[in-house]
Amino acid sequence: MSFDGRDARQAQAHLAARGVVAPAGSFYAYEPFNALKLPDPALRAGLAPYNTADDVDRLLEGLSTFV
């Protein structure tokens, strides 16, 4: 996902204000980032078995309002 000239750190801050933890960075994967030509920083959002439907909705709504 691209943020139209905005940085992933801005997306991170936007989501954090909505209670979503989605860090921005390269996550110590410099070689894959370079090989795949991924933006650094990138935004990382993950789900786990303990996430609720409300968590997912908050993430999707936060991303929607950011882009």
Protein backbone atom coordinates (compact mmCIF):
# COMPACT_ATOMS: atom_id res chain seq x y z
CA MET A 1 0.00 0.00 0.00
CA SER A 2 1.25 3.44 -0.90
CA PHE A 3 0.50 6.58 1.05
CA ASP A 4 0.70 9.13 -1.78
CA GLY A 5 3.92 10.82 -0.74
CA ARG A 6 3.36 10.45 2.99
CA ASP A 7 5.64 8.50 5.26
CA ALA A 8 4.71 5.28 7.08
CA ARG A 9 5.59 7.05 10.34
CA GLN A 10 2.68 9.41 9.69
CA ALA A 11 0.40 6.40 9.22
CA GLN A 12 1.76 4.92 12.45
CA ALA A 13 0.91 8.11 14.36
CA HIS A 14 -2.54 8.31 12.76
CA LEU A 15 -3.33 4.73 13.76
CA ALA A 16 -1.86 5.13 17.25
CA ALA A 17 -4.25 8.02 17.89
CA ARG A 18 -7.04 5.52 17.20
CA GLY A 19 -5.67 2.83 19.51
CA VAL A 20 -4.03 0.73 16.80
CA VAL A 21 -0.46 -0.50 17.25
CA ALA A 22 1.18 -0.71 13.81
CA PRO A 23 4.89 0.14 13.90
CA ALA A 24 6.83 1.75 11.08
CA GLY A 25 10.34 0.66 10.17
CA SER A 26 12.35 -1.96 8.32
CA PHE A 27 12.15 -4.44 11.20
CA TYR A 28 15.83 -5.44 10.88
CA ALA A 29 15.16 -6.84 7.39
CA TYR A 30 17.43 -4.49 5.45
CA GLU A 31 18.46 -6.99 2.78
CA PRO A 32 14.89 -8.05 1.85
CA PHE A 33 13.78 -4.40 1.90
CA ASN A 34 16.55 -3.49 -0.54
CA ALA A 35 16.06 -6.55 -2.76
CA LEU A 36 12.29 -6.01 -2.99
CA LYS A 37 12.67 -2.22 -3.27
CA LEU A 38 10.27 -1.71 -0.39
CA PRO A 39 9.89 1.72 1.15
CA ASP A 40 11.79 2.23 4.38
CA PRO A 41 10.05 2.78 6.69
CA ALA A 42 7.13 0.51 5.94
CA LEU A 43 4.02 0.04 8.04
CA ARG A 44 3.49 -3.32 9.71
CA ALA A 45 0.10 -4.45 10.97
CA GLY A 46 -0.52 -7.95 12.20
CA LEU A 47 -3.36 -9.93 13.68
CA ALA A 48 -3.30 -12.62 16.33
CA PRO A 49 -5.91 -15.03 17.68
CA TYR A 50 -6.74 -12.64 20.52
CA ASN A 51 -7.68 -9.73 18.20
CA THR A 52 -11.36 -8.96 18.02
CA ALA A 53 -13.57 -7.88 15.14
CA ASP A 54 -13.52 -4.40 16.70
CA ASP A 55 -9.70 -4.39 16.47
CA VAL A 56 -9.87 -5.23 12.78
CA ASP A 57 -12.55 -2.62 12.16
CA ARG A 58 -10.46 0.04 13.96
CA LEU A 59 -7.42 -0.85 11.83
CA LEU A 60 -9.36 -0.75 8.56
CA GLU A 61 -11.15 2.48 9.47
CA GLY A 62 -7.86 4.07 10.52
CA LEU A 63 -6.18 3.10 7.25
CA SER A 64 -9.21 4.29 5.27
CA THR A 65 -9.20 7.71 6.90
CA PHE A 66 -5.43 8.01 6.44
CA VAL A 67 -5.41 7.25 2.72
